[in-house]
Amino acid sequence: MCVVYFYQNENFESSGYRLVLAMNRDESWRRPTQTVQFWGTRMDCISGLDMERGKEGGTWLGMNKSGKIGVVLNIPGQGDPSKRGRGFLVSDYLSQDLKMEVYADKILRTRDDYNGFNLILFDVTVSSYYLLSTSSETYGLANSPLEFPFLKVQRGQERFSSIVGKYSDTCTKQSLVDGLMDLMADKTPFHQDAELDKVIAAARLNPAFTACRSAINICCPLEEFGTRTTTVILVDMEGKVDYIEKTVDHLGPVQNEETVHKTFKLSK
């Protein structure tokens, strides 16, 4: 069950960061995926890419040099395979020349074309964001319906806020990254999560695996499912971006990790 935490500073006159974001992508270990890089067709866009047949080019999280960031979290359920891949909600936002509010209005009108999702759209040049969902128009940060957050969202947000508050100055950037990566690697299960139980039941998933799915960082070997990618994005007040992504390969005889760190400046 993917999870994302973010902090956005509305005061561009202050020091520190415009945006701090951390996300775990939880997915089948065998789903074909391209690791993070600038797109060959759009060198101003950066993300990992879904390479599943029929879903190629979609993404769960990405950014462009104009300051757009998109995040999508799928709401588990008995989806309609004929509907459009939810990863295109993000890749279209990054690649289309539409303002955030215009794109958000477009998705609100066409959201029935997709299976259940929570979508977060950012424009860090104006310090604003939109939260869109097929379940509600309120606030949330996980695969659950927005109005019913999982325990790992609630408890993790407390730790996230503490880390960001402690290392809010850019001179402590590495400590901030290390703290966020440590948070996102936490495999401690949150037992007795009623909202997670409801989502597991609605998606007709095996309830025996509820405990492993309740953690911030998921590892379910029997299902070959879990956290494959952890991403941290930092945007400072001068528009400098650190895009850090760690990908874990669980399928080899030895678990391998690859970390990519891209730095660039916003174009505006």
Foldseek 3Di string as FASTA:
>chain_A
DKWKEKDADQDLVDFFFRMKMKIFDKWQLPFDKAAWDQDPVGNQKIGIFGPHVQRTRFHQWIAGLQQKIKHKAAQAADDDVVAHDPSVLGRVVHPDPDDQVVSVVVCVVVVVSGHWMWMKIDRSVNSDIAIDTPQDRDAATHNFPGVQYWPQRVVLNVQLVVLCVVQRHVVCVVSSVVSSVVSQQWQQFDPPTVRLVVSCVRNVHDPVCSRQVRHSWHDDPVSSMTGFKMWIWTATSQQKIWIKMKGWNPPDPDIDIDIDIDIDGRPD
